[in-house]
mmCIF file of all heavy atoms, coordinates in Angstrom:
data_MODEL
# 
_entry.id   MODEL 
# 
loop_
_atom_site.group_PDB 
_atom_site.id 
_atom_site.type_symbol 
_atom_site.label_atom_id 
_atom_site.label_alt_id 
_atom_site.label_comp_id 
_atom_site.label_asym_id 
_atom_site.label_entity_id 
_atom_site.label_seq_id 
_atom_site.pdbx_PDB_ins_code 
_atom_site.Cartn_x 
_atom_site.Cartn_y 
_atom_site.Cartn_z 
_atom_site.occupancy 
_atom_site.B_iso_or_equiv 
_atom_site.pdbx_formal_charge 
_atom_site.auth_seq_id 
_atom_site.auth_comp_id 
_atom_site.auth_asym_id 
_atom_site.auth_atom_id 
_atom_site.pdbx_PDB_model_num 
ATOM 1   N N   . GLY A 1 1  ? 0.795  -1.223 -0.026  1.00 0.00 ? 1  GLY A N   1 
ATOM 2   C CA  . GLY A 1 1  ? 0.001  -0.042 0.040   1.00 0.00 ? 1  GLY A CA  1 
ATOM 3   C C   . GLY A 1 1  ? 0.754  1.284  0.001   1.00 0.00 ? 1  GLY A C   1 
ATOM 4   O O   . GLY A 1 1  ? 0.163  2.368  0.087   1.00 0.00 ? 1  GLY A O   1 
ATOM 5   N N   . LYS A 1 2  ? 2.193  1.135  -0.097  1.00 0.00 ? 2  LYS A N   1 
ATOM 6   C CA  . LYS A 1 2  ? 2.951  2.352  -0.050  1.00 0.00 ? 2  LYS A CA  1 
ATOM 7   C C   . LYS A 1 2  ? 3.878  2.430  -1.318  1.00 0.00 ? 2  LYS A C   1 
ATOM 8   O O   . LYS A 1 2  ? 3.984  1.400  -2.075  1.00 0.00 ? 2  LYS A O   1 
ATOM 9   C CB  . LYS A 1 2  ? 3.887  2.353  1.114   1.00 0.00 ? 2  LYS A CB  1 
ATOM 10  C CG  . LYS A 1 2  ? 3.087  2.470  2.414   1.00 0.00 ? 2  LYS A CG  1 
ATOM 11  C CD  . LYS A 1 2  ? 4.065  2.514  3.620   1.00 0.00 ? 2  LYS A CD  1 
ATOM 12  C CE  . LYS A 1 2  ? 3.233  2.746  4.980   1.00 0.00 ? 2  LYS A CE  1 
ATOM 13  N NZ  . LYS A 1 2  ? 4.168  2.777  6.074   1.00 0.00 ? 2  LYS A NZ  1 
ATOM 14  N N   . GLN A 1 3  ? 4.381  3.679  -1.502  1.00 0.00 ? 3  GLN A N   1 
ATOM 15  C CA  . GLN A 1 3  ? 5.304  3.752  -2.739  1.00 0.00 ? 3  GLN A CA  1 
ATOM 16  C C   . GLN A 1 3  ? 6.655  3.276  -2.477  1.00 0.00 ? 3  GLN A C   1 
ATOM 17  O O   . GLN A 1 3  ? 7.037  3.157  -1.142  1.00 0.00 ? 3  GLN A O   1 
ATOM 18  C CB  . GLN A 1 3  ? 5.358  5.305  -3.127  1.00 0.00 ? 3  GLN A CB  1 
ATOM 19  C CG  . GLN A 1 3  ? 4.100  5.896  -3.634  1.00 0.00 ? 3  GLN A CG  1 
ATOM 20  C CD  . GLN A 1 3  ? 4.285  7.255  -4.106  1.00 0.00 ? 3  GLN A CD  1 
ATOM 21  O OE1 . GLN A 1 3  ? 4.829  7.433  -5.265  1.00 0.00 ? 3  GLN A OE1 1 
ATOM 22  N NE2 . GLN A 1 3  ? 3.882  8.260  -3.309  1.00 0.00 ? 3  GLN A NE2 1 
ATOM 23  N N   . ARG A 1 4  ? 7.440  2.879  -3.415  1.00 0.00 ? 4  ARG A N   1 
ATOM 24  C CA  . ARG A 1 4  ? 8.789  2.482  -3.241  1.00 0.00 ? 4  ARG A CA  1 
ATOM 25  C C   . ARG A 1 4  ? 9.539  3.727  -2.709  1.00 0.00 ? 4  ARG A C   1 
ATOM 26  O O   . ARG A 1 4  ? 9.475  4.793  -3.252  1.00 0.00 ? 4  ARG A O   1 
ATOM 27  C CB  . ARG A 1 4  ? 9.329  1.944  -4.531  1.00 0.00 ? 4  ARG A CB  1 
ATOM 28  C CG  . ARG A 1 4  ? 10.775 1.513  -4.480  1.00 0.00 ? 4  ARG A CG  1 
ATOM 29  C CD  . ARG A 1 4  ? 11.172 0.948  -5.849  1.00 0.00 ? 4  ARG A CD  1 
ATOM 30  N NE  . ARG A 1 4  ? 10.712 -0.346 -6.129  1.00 0.00 ? 4  ARG A NE  1 
ATOM 31  C CZ  . ARG A 1 4  ? 9.973  -0.728 -7.042  1.00 0.00 ? 4  ARG A CZ  1 
ATOM 32  N NH1 . ARG A 1 4  ? 9.455  0.167  -7.926  1.00 0.00 ? 4  ARG A NH1 1 
ATOM 33  N NH2 . ARG A 1 4  ? 9.589  -2.040 -7.304  1.00 0.00 ? 4  ARG A NH2 1 
ATOM 34  N N   . GLU A 1 5  ? 10.500 3.425  -1.769  1.00 0.00 ? 5  GLU A N   1 
ATOM 35  C CA  . GLU A 1 5  ? 11.303 4.484  -1.256  1.00 0.00 ? 5  GLU A CA  1 
ATOM 36  C C   . GLU A 1 5  ? 12.732 4.008  -1.128  1.00 0.00 ? 5  GLU A C   1 
ATOM 37  O O   . GLU A 1 5  ? 13.034 2.892  -0.889  1.00 0.00 ? 5  GLU A O   1 
ATOM 38  C CB  . GLU A 1 5  ? 10.817 4.934  0.193   1.00 0.00 ? 5  GLU A CB  1 
ATOM 39  C CG  . GLU A 1 5  ? 10.836 3.864  1.192   1.00 0.00 ? 5  GLU A CG  1 
ATOM 40  C CD  . GLU A 1 5  ? 10.462 4.333  2.687   1.00 0.00 ? 5  GLU A CD  1 
ATOM 41  O OE1 . GLU A 1 5  ? 10.305 5.592  2.816   1.00 0.00 ? 5  GLU A OE1 1 
ATOM 42  O OE2 . GLU A 1 5  ? 10.374 3.441  3.518   1.00 0.00 ? 5  GLU A OE2 1 
ATOM 43  N N   . LEU A 1 6  ? 13.630 5.006  -1.209  1.00 0.00 ? 6  LEU A N   1 
ATOM 44  C CA  . LEU A 1 6  ? 15.020 4.699  -1.127  1.00 0.00 ? 6  LEU A CA  1 
ATOM 45  C C   . LEU A 1 6  ? 15.408 4.795  0.468   1.00 0.00 ? 6  LEU A C   1 
ATOM 46  O O   . LEU A 1 6  ? 15.064 5.724  1.108   1.00 0.00 ? 6  LEU A O   1 
ATOM 47  C CB  . LEU A 1 6  ? 15.887 5.825  -1.774  1.00 0.00 ? 6  LEU A CB  1 
ATOM 48  C CG  . LEU A 1 6  ? 17.414 5.678  -1.607  1.00 0.00 ? 6  LEU A CG  1 
ATOM 49  C CD1 . LEU A 1 6  ? 17.846 4.463  -2.351  1.00 0.00 ? 6  LEU A CD1 1 
ATOM 50  C CD2 . LEU A 1 6  ? 18.117 6.944  -2.161  1.00 0.00 ? 6  LEU A CD2 1 
ATOM 51  N N   . VAL A 1 7  ? 16.160 3.738  0.899   1.00 0.00 ? 7  VAL A N   1 
ATOM 52  C CA  . VAL A 1 7  ? 16.425 3.721  2.303   1.00 0.00 ? 7  VAL A CA  1 
ATOM 53  C C   . VAL A 1 7  ? 17.832 3.838  2.603   1.00 0.00 ? 7  VAL A C   1 
ATOM 54  O O   . VAL A 1 7  ? 18.258 4.237  3.723   1.00 0.00 ? 7  VAL A O   1 
ATOM 55  C CB  . VAL A 1 7  ? 15.915 2.444  3.096   1.00 0.00 ? 7  VAL A CB  1 
ATOM 56  C CG1 . VAL A 1 7  ? 14.419 2.389  3.019   1.00 0.00 ? 7  VAL A CG1 1 
ATOM 57  C CG2 . VAL A 1 7  ? 16.561 1.247  2.373   1.00 0.00 ? 7  VAL A CG2 1 
ATOM 58  N N   . ALA A 1 8  ? 18.737 3.609  1.588   1.00 0.00 ? 8  ALA A N   1 
ATOM 59  C CA  . ALA A 1 8  ? 20.229 3.783  1.831   1.00 0.00 ? 8  ALA A CA  1 
ATOM 60  C C   . ALA A 1 8  ? 20.835 3.671  0.521   1.00 0.00 ? 8  ALA A C   1 
ATOM 61  O O   . ALA A 1 8  ? 20.456 3.074  -0.473  1.00 0.00 ? 8  ALA A O   1 
ATOM 62  C CB  . ALA A 1 8  ? 20.780 2.622  2.693   1.00 0.00 ? 8  ALA A CB  1 
ATOM 63  N N   . SER A 1 9  ? 21.946 4.463  0.325   1.00 0.00 ? 9  SER A N   1 
ATOM 64  C CA  . SER A 1 9  ? 22.722 4.480  -0.890  1.00 0.00 ? 9  SER A CA  1 
ATOM 65  C C   . SER A 1 9  ? 24.261 4.614  -0.577  1.00 0.00 ? 9  SER A C   1 
ATOM 66  O O   . SER A 1 9  ? 24.633 4.945  0.578   1.00 0.00 ? 9  SER A O   1 
ATOM 67  C CB  . SER A 1 9  ? 22.288 5.579  -1.852  1.00 0.00 ? 9  SER A CB  1 
ATOM 68  O OG  . SER A 1 9  ? 22.521 6.790  -1.263  1.00 0.00 ? 9  SER A OG  1 
ATOM 69  N N   . ILE A 1 10 ? 24.993 4.226  -1.441  1.00 0.00 ? 10 ILE A N   1 
ATOM 70  C CA  . ILE A 1 10 ? 26.513 4.315  -1.361  1.00 0.00 ? 10 ILE A CA  1 
ATOM 71  C C   . ILE A 1 10 ? 27.089 4.660  -2.719  1.00 0.00 ? 10 ILE A C   1 
ATOM 72  O O   . ILE A 1 10 ? 26.790 3.993  -3.711  1.00 0.00 ? 10 ILE A O   1 
ATOM 73  C CB  . ILE A 1 10 ? 27.021 3.026  -0.655  1.00 0.00 ? 10 ILE A CB  1 
ATOM 74  C CG1 . ILE A 1 10 ? 28.564 3.122  -0.482  1.00 0.00 ? 10 ILE A CG1 1 
ATOM 75  C CG2 . ILE A 1 10 ? 26.834 1.695  -1.622  1.00 0.00 ? 10 ILE A CG2 1 
ATOM 76  C CD1 . ILE A 1 10 ? 29.077 2.083  0.424   1.00 0.00 ? 10 ILE A CD1 1 
ATOM 77  N N   . THR A 1 11 ? 27.985 5.659  -2.817  1.00 0.00 ? 11 THR A N   1 
ATOM 78  C CA  . THR A 1 11 ? 28.665 6.003  -3.992  1.00 0.00 ? 11 THR A CA  1 
ATOM 79  C C   . THR A 1 11 ? 29.681 5.154  -4.278  1.00 0.00 ? 11 THR A C   1 
ATOM 80  O O   . THR A 1 11 ? 30.231 4.246  -3.584  1.00 0.00 ? 11 THR A O   1 
ATOM 81  C CB  . THR A 1 11 ? 29.175 7.434  -3.882  1.00 0.00 ? 11 THR A CB  1 
ATOM 82  O OG1 . THR A 1 11 ? 30.228 7.508  -2.956  1.00 0.00 ? 11 THR A OG1 1 
ATOM 83  C CG2 . THR A 1 11 ? 28.050 8.400  -3.451  1.00 0.00 ? 11 THR A CG2 1 
ATOM 84  N N   . ARG A 1 12 ? 30.305 5.252  -5.529  1.00 0.00 ? 12 ARG A N   1 
ATOM 85  C CA  . ARG A 1 12 ? 31.557 4.505  -5.863  1.00 0.00 ? 12 ARG A CA  1 
ATOM 86  C C   . ARG A 1 12 ? 32.662 4.810  -4.923  1.00 0.00 ? 12 ARG A C   1 
ATOM 87  O O   . ARG A 1 12 ? 33.582 3.755  -4.695  1.00 0.00 ? 12 ARG A O   1 
ATOM 88  C CB  . ARG A 1 12 ? 31.952 4.787  -7.256  1.00 0.00 ? 12 ARG A CB  1 
ATOM 89  C CG  . ARG A 1 12 ? 30.896 4.396  -8.448  1.00 0.00 ? 12 ARG A CG  1 
ATOM 90  C CD  . ARG A 1 12 ? 31.263 4.977  -9.732  1.00 0.00 ? 12 ARG A CD  1 
ATOM 91  N NE  . ARG A 1 12 ? 31.035 6.376  -9.790  1.00 0.00 ? 12 ARG A NE  1 
ATOM 92  C CZ  . ARG A 1 12 ? 31.445 7.146  -10.849 1.00 0.00 ? 12 ARG A CZ  1 
ATOM 93  N NH1 . ARG A 1 12 ? 31.988 6.578  -11.862 1.00 0.00 ? 12 ARG A NH1 1 
ATOM 94  N NH2 . ARG A 1 12 ? 31.230 8.480  -10.774 1.00 0.00 ? 12 ARG A NH2 1 
ATOM 95  N N   . ALA A 1 13 ? 32.695 5.889  -4.325  1.00 0.00 ? 13 ALA A N   1 
ATOM 96  C CA  . ALA A 1 13 ? 33.805 6.140  -3.324  1.00 0.00 ? 13 ALA A CA  1 
ATOM 97  C C   . ALA A 1 13 ? 33.467 5.777  -1.920  1.00 0.00 ? 13 ALA A C   1 
ATOM 98  O O   . ALA A 1 13 ? 34.330 5.953  -1.116  1.00 0.00 ? 13 ALA A O   1 
ATOM 99  C CB  . ALA A 1 13 ? 34.124 7.740  -3.463  1.00 0.00 ? 13 ALA A CB  1 
ATOM 100 N N   . GLY A 1 14 ? 32.288 5.246  -1.722  1.00 0.00 ? 14 GLY A N   1 
ATOM 101 C CA  . GLY A 1 14 ? 31.858 4.769  -0.432  1.00 0.00 ? 14 GLY A CA  1 
ATOM 102 C C   . GLY A 1 14 ? 31.159 5.802  0.435   1.00 0.00 ? 14 GLY A C   1 
ATOM 103 O O   . GLY A 1 14 ? 31.055 5.472  1.701   1.00 0.00 ? 14 GLY A O   1 
ATOM 104 N N   . ILE A 1 15 ? 30.786 6.896  -0.060  1.00 0.00 ? 15 ILE A N   1 
ATOM 105 C CA  . ILE A 1 15 ? 29.894 7.837  0.781   1.00 0.00 ? 15 ILE A CA  1 
ATOM 106 C C   . ILE A 1 15 ? 28.523 7.289  0.919   1.00 0.00 ? 15 ILE A C   1 
ATOM 107 O O   . ILE A 1 15 ? 27.890 6.961  -0.101  1.00 0.00 ? 15 ILE A O   1 
ATOM 108 C CB  . ILE A 1 15 ? 29.810 9.272  0.046   1.00 0.00 ? 15 ILE A CB  1 
ATOM 109 C CG1 . ILE A 1 15 ? 31.315 9.694  -0.180  1.00 0.00 ? 15 ILE A CG1 1 
ATOM 110 C CG2 . ILE A 1 15 ? 29.135 10.165 0.882   1.00 0.00 ? 15 ILE A CG2 1 
ATOM 111 C CD1 . ILE A 1 15 ? 32.224 9.817  1.052   1.00 0.00 ? 15 ILE A CD1 1 
ATOM 112 N N   . MET A 1 16 ? 28.014 7.303  2.100   1.00 0.00 ? 16 MET A N   1 
ATOM 113 C CA  . MET A 1 16 ? 26.842 6.621  2.347   1.00 0.00 ? 16 MET A CA  1 
ATOM 114 C C   . MET A 1 16 ? 25.687 7.674  2.747   1.00 0.00 ? 16 MET A C   1 
ATOM 115 O O   . MET A 1 16 ? 25.876 8.819  3.315   1.00 0.00 ? 16 MET A O   1 
ATOM 116 C CB  . MET A 1 16 ? 26.948 5.628  3.602   1.00 0.00 ? 16 MET A CB  1 
ATOM 117 C CG  . MET A 1 16 ? 27.883 4.609  3.236   1.00 0.00 ? 16 MET A CG  1 
ATOM 118 S SD  . MET A 1 16 ? 28.359 3.616  4.727   1.00 0.00 ? 16 MET A SD  1 
ATOM 119 C CE  . MET A 1 16 ? 29.703 4.694  5.326   1.00 0.00 ? 16 MET A CE  1 
ATOM 120 N N   . TYR A 1 17 ? 24.476 7.154  2.473   1.00 0.00 ? 17 TYR A N   1 
ATOM 121 C CA  . TYR A 1 17 ? 23.297 8.023  2.766   1.00 0.00 ? 17 TYR A CA  1 
ATOM 122 C C   . TYR A 1 17 ? 22.211 6.990  3.376   1.00 0.00 ? 17 TYR A C   1 
ATOM 123 O O   . TYR A 1 17 ? 22.103 5.899  2.939   1.00 0.00 ? 17 TYR A O   1 
ATOM 124 C CB  . TYR A 1 17 ? 22.667 8.585  1.481   1.00 0.00 ? 17 TYR A CB  1 
ATOM 125 C CG  . TYR A 1 17 ? 21.135 8.960  1.627   1.00 0.00 ? 17 TYR A CG  1 
ATOM 126 C CD1 . TYR A 1 17 ? 20.757 10.124 2.250   1.00 0.00 ? 17 TYR A CD1 1 
ATOM 127 C CD2 . TYR A 1 17 ? 20.082 8.005  1.265   1.00 0.00 ? 17 TYR A CD2 1 
ATOM 128 C CE1 . TYR A 1 17 ? 19.323 10.375 2.354   1.00 0.00 ? 17 TYR A CE1 1 
ATOM 129 C CE2 . TYR A 1 17 ? 18.793 8.264  1.514   1.00 0.00 ? 17 TYR A CE2 1 
ATOM 130 C CZ  . TYR A 1 17 ? 18.395 9.439  2.046   1.00 0.00 ? 17 TYR A CZ  1 
ATOM 131 O OH  . TYR A 1 17 ? 17.095 9.707  2.217   1.00 0.00 ? 17 TYR A OH  1 
ATOM 132 N N   . TYR A 1 18 ? 21.510 7.494  4.472   1.00 0.00 ? 18 TYR A N   1 
ATOM 133 C CA  . TYR A 1 18 ? 20.401 6.758  5.036   1.00 0.00 ? 18 TYR A CA  1 
ATOM 134 C C   . TYR A 1 18 ? 19.241 7.621  5.200   1.00 0.00 ? 18 TYR A C   1 
ATOM 135 O O   . TYR A 1 18 ? 19.298 8.725  5.641   1.00 0.00 ? 18 TYR A O   1 
ATOM 136 C CB  . TYR A 1 18 ? 20.885 6.204  6.468   1.00 0.00 ? 18 TYR A CB  1 
ATOM 137 C CG  . TYR A 1 18 ? 22.080 5.214  6.282   1.00 0.00 ? 18 TYR A CG  1 
ATOM 138 C CD1 . TYR A 1 18 ? 23.327 5.756  6.593   1.00 0.00 ? 18 TYR A CD1 1 
ATOM 139 C CD2 . TYR A 1 18 ? 21.870 3.946  6.023   1.00 0.00 ? 18 TYR A CD2 1 
ATOM 140 C CE1 . TYR A 1 18 ? 24.437 4.826  6.460   1.00 0.00 ? 18 TYR A CE1 1 
ATOM 141 C CE2 . TYR A 1 18 ? 23.037 3.088  5.825   1.00 0.00 ? 18 TYR A CE2 1 
ATOM 142 C CZ  . TYR A 1 18 ? 24.278 3.610  6.221   1.00 0.00 ? 18 TYR A CZ  1 
ATOM 143 O OH  . TYR A 1 18 ? 25.393 2.708  6.125   1.00 0.00 ? 18 TYR A OH  1 
ATOM 144 N N   . GLU A 1 19 ? 18.063 6.943  5.002   1.00 0.00 ? 19 GLU A N   1 
ATOM 145 C CA  . GLU A 1 19 ? 16.846 7.611  5.349   1.00 0.00 ? 19 GLU A CA  1 
ATOM 146 C C   . GLU A 1 19 ? 16.617 7.641  6.821   1.00 0.00 ? 19 GLU A C   1 
ATOM 147 O O   . GLU A 1 19 ? 17.182 6.820  7.484   1.00 0.00 ? 19 GLU A O   1 
ATOM 148 C CB  . GLU A 1 19 ? 15.699 6.683  4.741   1.00 0.00 ? 19 GLU A CB  1 
ATOM 149 C CG  . GLU A 1 19 ? 14.369 7.557  4.684   1.00 0.00 ? 19 GLU A CG  1 
ATOM 150 C CD  . GLU A 1 19 ? 13.502 7.145  5.945   1.00 0.00 ? 19 GLU A CD  1 
ATOM 151 O OE1 . GLU A 1 19 ? 13.739 6.176  6.505   1.00 0.00 ? 19 GLU A OE1 1 
ATOM 152 O OE2 . GLU A 1 19 ? 12.648 8.079  6.259   1.00 0.00 ? 19 GLU A OE2 1 
ATOM 153 N N   . ASP A 1 20 ? 16.047 8.549  7.329   1.00 0.00 ? 20 ASP A N   1 
ATOM 154 C CA  . ASP A 1 20 ? 15.945 8.886  8.769   1.00 0.00 ? 20 ASP A CA  1 
ATOM 155 C C   . ASP A 1 20 ? 15.551 7.776  9.596   1.00 0.00 ? 20 ASP A C   1 
ATOM 156 O O   . ASP A 1 20 ? 16.073 7.417  10.636  1.00 0.00 ? 20 ASP A O   1 
ATOM 157 C CB  . ASP A 1 20 ? 15.216 10.120 9.146   1.00 0.00 ? 20 ASP A CB  1 
ATOM 158 C CG  . ASP A 1 20 ? 15.750 11.409 8.703   1.00 0.00 ? 20 ASP A CG  1 
ATOM 159 O OD1 . ASP A 1 20 ? 16.918 11.429 8.439   1.00 0.00 ? 20 ASP A OD1 1 
ATOM 160 O OD2 . ASP A 1 20 ? 14.975 12.371 8.563   1.00 0.00 ? 20 ASP A OD2 1 
ATOM 161 N N   . SER A 1 21 ? 14.565 6.951  9.119   1.00 0.00 ? 21 SER A N   1 
ATOM 162 C CA  . SER A 1 21 ? 14.013 5.909  9.920   1.00 0.00 ? 21 SER A CA  1 
ATOM 163 C C   . SER A 1 21 ? 14.981 4.704  10.182  1.00 0.00 ? 21 SER A C   1 
ATOM 164 O O   . SER A 1 21 ? 14.732 3.908  10.902  1.00 0.00 ? 21 SER A O   1 
ATOM 165 C CB  . SER A 1 21 ? 12.721 5.397  9.268   1.00 0.00 ? 21 SER A CB  1 
ATOM 166 O OG  . SER A 1 21 ? 12.911 4.711  8.051   1.00 0.00 ? 21 SER A OG  1 
ATOM 167 N N   . VAL A 1 22 ? 15.956 4.633  9.295   1.00 0.00 ? 22 VAL A N   1 
ATOM 168 C CA  . VAL A 1 22 ? 17.011 3.475  9.524   1.00 0.00 ? 22 VAL A CA  1 
ATOM 169 C C   . VAL A 1 22 ? 18.313 3.807  9.915   1.00 0.00 ? 22 VAL A C   1 
ATOM 170 O O   . VAL A 1 22 ? 19.213 3.132  10.121  1.00 0.00 ? 22 VAL A O   1 
ATOM 171 C CB  . VAL A 1 22 ? 17.051 2.632  8.104   1.00 0.00 ? 22 VAL A CB  1 
ATOM 172 C CG1 . VAL A 1 22 ? 15.720 2.327  7.565   1.00 0.00 ? 22 VAL A CG1 1 
ATOM 173 C CG2 . VAL A 1 22 ? 17.860 3.467  7.027   1.00 0.00 ? 22 VAL A CG2 1 
ATOM 174 N N   . LYS A 1 23 ? 18.471 5.172  10.115  1.00 0.00 ? 23 LYS A N   1 
ATOM 175 C CA  . LYS A 1 23 ? 19.872 5.622  10.583  1.00 0.00 ? 23 LYS A CA  1 
ATOM 176 C C   . LYS A 1 23 ? 20.169 4.954  12.020  1.00 0.00 ? 23 LYS A C   1 
ATOM 177 O O   . LYS A 1 23 ? 19.279 4.991  12.923  1.00 0.00 ? 23 LYS A O   1 
ATOM 178 C CB  . LYS A 1 23 ? 19.784 7.197  10.751  1.00 0.00 ? 23 LYS A CB  1 
ATOM 179 C CG  . LYS A 1 23 ? 19.955 7.825  9.416   1.00 0.00 ? 23 LYS A CG  1 
ATOM 180 C CD  . LYS A 1 23 ? 20.014 9.417  9.626   1.00 0.00 ? 23 LYS A CD  1 
ATOM 181 C CE  . LYS A 1 23 ? 20.031 10.158 8.297   1.00 0.00 ? 23 LYS A CE  1 
ATOM 182 N NZ  . LYS A 1 23 ? 19.952 11.567 8.578   1.00 0.00 ? 23 LYS A NZ  1 
ATOM 183 N N   . GLY A 1 24 ? 21.376 4.594  12.150  1.00 0.00 ? 24 GLY A N   1 
ATOM 184 C CA  . GLY A 1 24 ? 21.802 3.851  13.334  1.00 0.00 ? 24 GLY A CA  1 
ATOM 185 C C   . GLY A 1 24 ? 21.470 2.388  13.457  1.00 0.00 ? 24 GLY A C   1 
ATOM 186 O O   . GLY A 1 24 ? 21.962 1.789  14.380  1.00 0.00 ? 24 GLY A O   1 
ATOM 187 N N   . ARG A 1 25 ? 20.667 1.937  12.537  1.00 0.00 ? 25 ARG A N   1 
ATOM 188 C CA  . ARG A 1 25 ? 20.158 0.517  12.466  1.00 0.00 ? 25 ARG A CA  1 
ATOM 189 C C   . ARG A 1 25 ? 20.741 -0.267 11.322  1.00 0.00 ? 25 ARG A C   1 
ATOM 190 O O   . ARG A 1 25 ? 21.107 -1.476 11.356  1.00 0.00 ? 25 ARG A O   1 
ATOM 191 C CB  . ARG A 1 25 ? 18.743 0.439  12.503  1.00 0.00 ? 25 ARG A CB  1 
ATOM 192 C CG  . ARG A 1 25 ? 18.118 1.040  13.863  1.00 0.00 ? 25 ARG A CG  1 
ATOM 193 C CD  . ARG A 1 25 ? 16.645 0.682  13.969  1.00 0.00 ? 25 ARG A CD  1 
ATOM 194 N NE  . ARG A 1 25 ? 15.808 1.215  12.950  1.00 0.00 ? 25 ARG A NE  1 
ATOM 195 C CZ  . ARG A 1 25 ? 15.132 0.454  11.982  1.00 0.00 ? 25 ARG A CZ  1 
ATOM 196 N NH1 . ARG A 1 25 ? 15.156 -0.859 12.228  1.00 0.00 ? 25 ARG A NH1 1 
ATOM 197 N NH2 . ARG A 1 25 ? 14.422 1.026  11.150  1.00 0.00 ? 25 ARG A NH2 1 
ATOM 198 N N   . PHE A 1 26 ? 20.725 0.420  10.093  1.00 0.00 ? 26 PHE A N   1 
ATOM 199 C CA  . PHE A 1 26 ? 21.211 -0.195 8.938   1.00 0.00 ? 26 PHE A CA  1 
ATOM 200 C C   . PHE A 1 26 ? 22.547 0.165  8.555   1.00 0.00 ? 26 PHE A C   1 
ATOM 201 O O   . PHE A 1 26 ? 22.844 1.375  8.697   1.00 0.00 ? 26 PHE A O   1 
ATOM 202 C CB  . PHE A 1 26 ? 20.143 0.019  7.705   1.00 0.00 ? 26 PHE A CB  1 
ATOM 203 C CG  . PHE A 1 26 ? 18.785 -0.576 7.944   1.00 0.00 ? 26 PHE A CG  1 
ATOM 204 C CD1 . PHE A 1 26 ? 18.417 -1.209 9.009   1.00 0.00 ? 26 PHE A CD1 1 
ATOM 205 C CD2 . PHE A 1 26 ? 17.908 -0.606 6.808   1.00 0.00 ? 26 PHE A CD2 1 
ATOM 206 C CE1 . PHE A 1 26 ? 17.152 -1.685 9.145   1.00 0.00 ? 26 PHE A CE1 1 
ATOM 207 C CE2 . PHE A 1 26 ? 16.666 -1.051 6.870   1.00 0.00 ? 26 PHE A CE2 1 
ATOM 208 C CZ  . PHE A 1 26 ? 16.249 -1.637 8.079   1.00 0.00 ? 26 PHE A CZ  1 
ATOM 209 N N   . ILE A 1 27 ? 23.261 -0.618 7.786   1.00 0.00 ? 27 ILE A N   1 
ATOM 210 C CA  . ILE A 1 27 ? 24.549 -0.258 7.313   1.00 0.00 ? 27 ILE A CA  1 
ATOM 211 C C   . ILE A 1 27 ? 24.662 -0.860 5.858   1.00 0.00 ? 27 ILE A C   1 
ATOM 212 O O   . ILE A 1 27 ? 24.521 -1.966 5.599   1.00 0.00 ? 27 ILE A O   1 
ATOM 213 C CB  . ILE A 1 27 ? 25.776 -0.911 8.152   1.00 0.00 ? 27 ILE A CB  1 
ATOM 214 C CG1 . ILE A 1 27 ? 25.636 -0.401 9.541   1.00 0.00 ? 27 ILE A CG1 1 
ATOM 215 C CG2 . ILE A 1 27 ? 27.065 -0.461 7.513   1.00 0.00 ? 27 ILE A CG2 1 
ATOM 216 C CD1 . ILE A 1 27 ? 26.629 -1.175 10.542  1.00 0.00 ? 27 ILE A CD1 1 
ATOM 217 N N   . ILE A 1 28 ? 24.902 0.149  4.873   1.00 0.00 ? 28 ILE A N   1 
ATOM 218 C CA  . ILE A 1 28 ? 25.146 -0.255 3.497   1.00 0.00 ? 28 ILE A CA  1 
ATOM 219 C C   . ILE A 1 28 ? 26.636 -0.327 3.281   1.00 0.00 ? 28 ILE A C   1 
ATOM 220 O O   . ILE A 1 28 ? 27.437 0.530  3.729   1.00 0.00 ? 28 ILE A O   1 
ATOM 221 C CB  . ILE A 1 28 ? 24.490 0.727  2.527   1.00 0.00 ? 28 ILE A CB  1 
ATOM 222 C CG1 . ILE A 1 28 ? 24.504 0.240  1.124   1.00 0.00 ? 28 ILE A CG1 1 
ATOM 223 C CG2 . ILE A 1 28 ? 25.087 2.097  2.671   1.00 0.00 ? 28 ILE A CG2 1 
ATOM 224 C CD1 . ILE A 1 28 ? 23.533 1.004  0.075   1.00 0.00 ? 28 ILE A CD1 1 
# 
């Protein structure tokens, strides 16, 4: 019932991004 959302990403150089709800819990 929800749209697809990005939760984490990582660049070729290893720079990471996390959606607020998973910060501190998920590691990409």
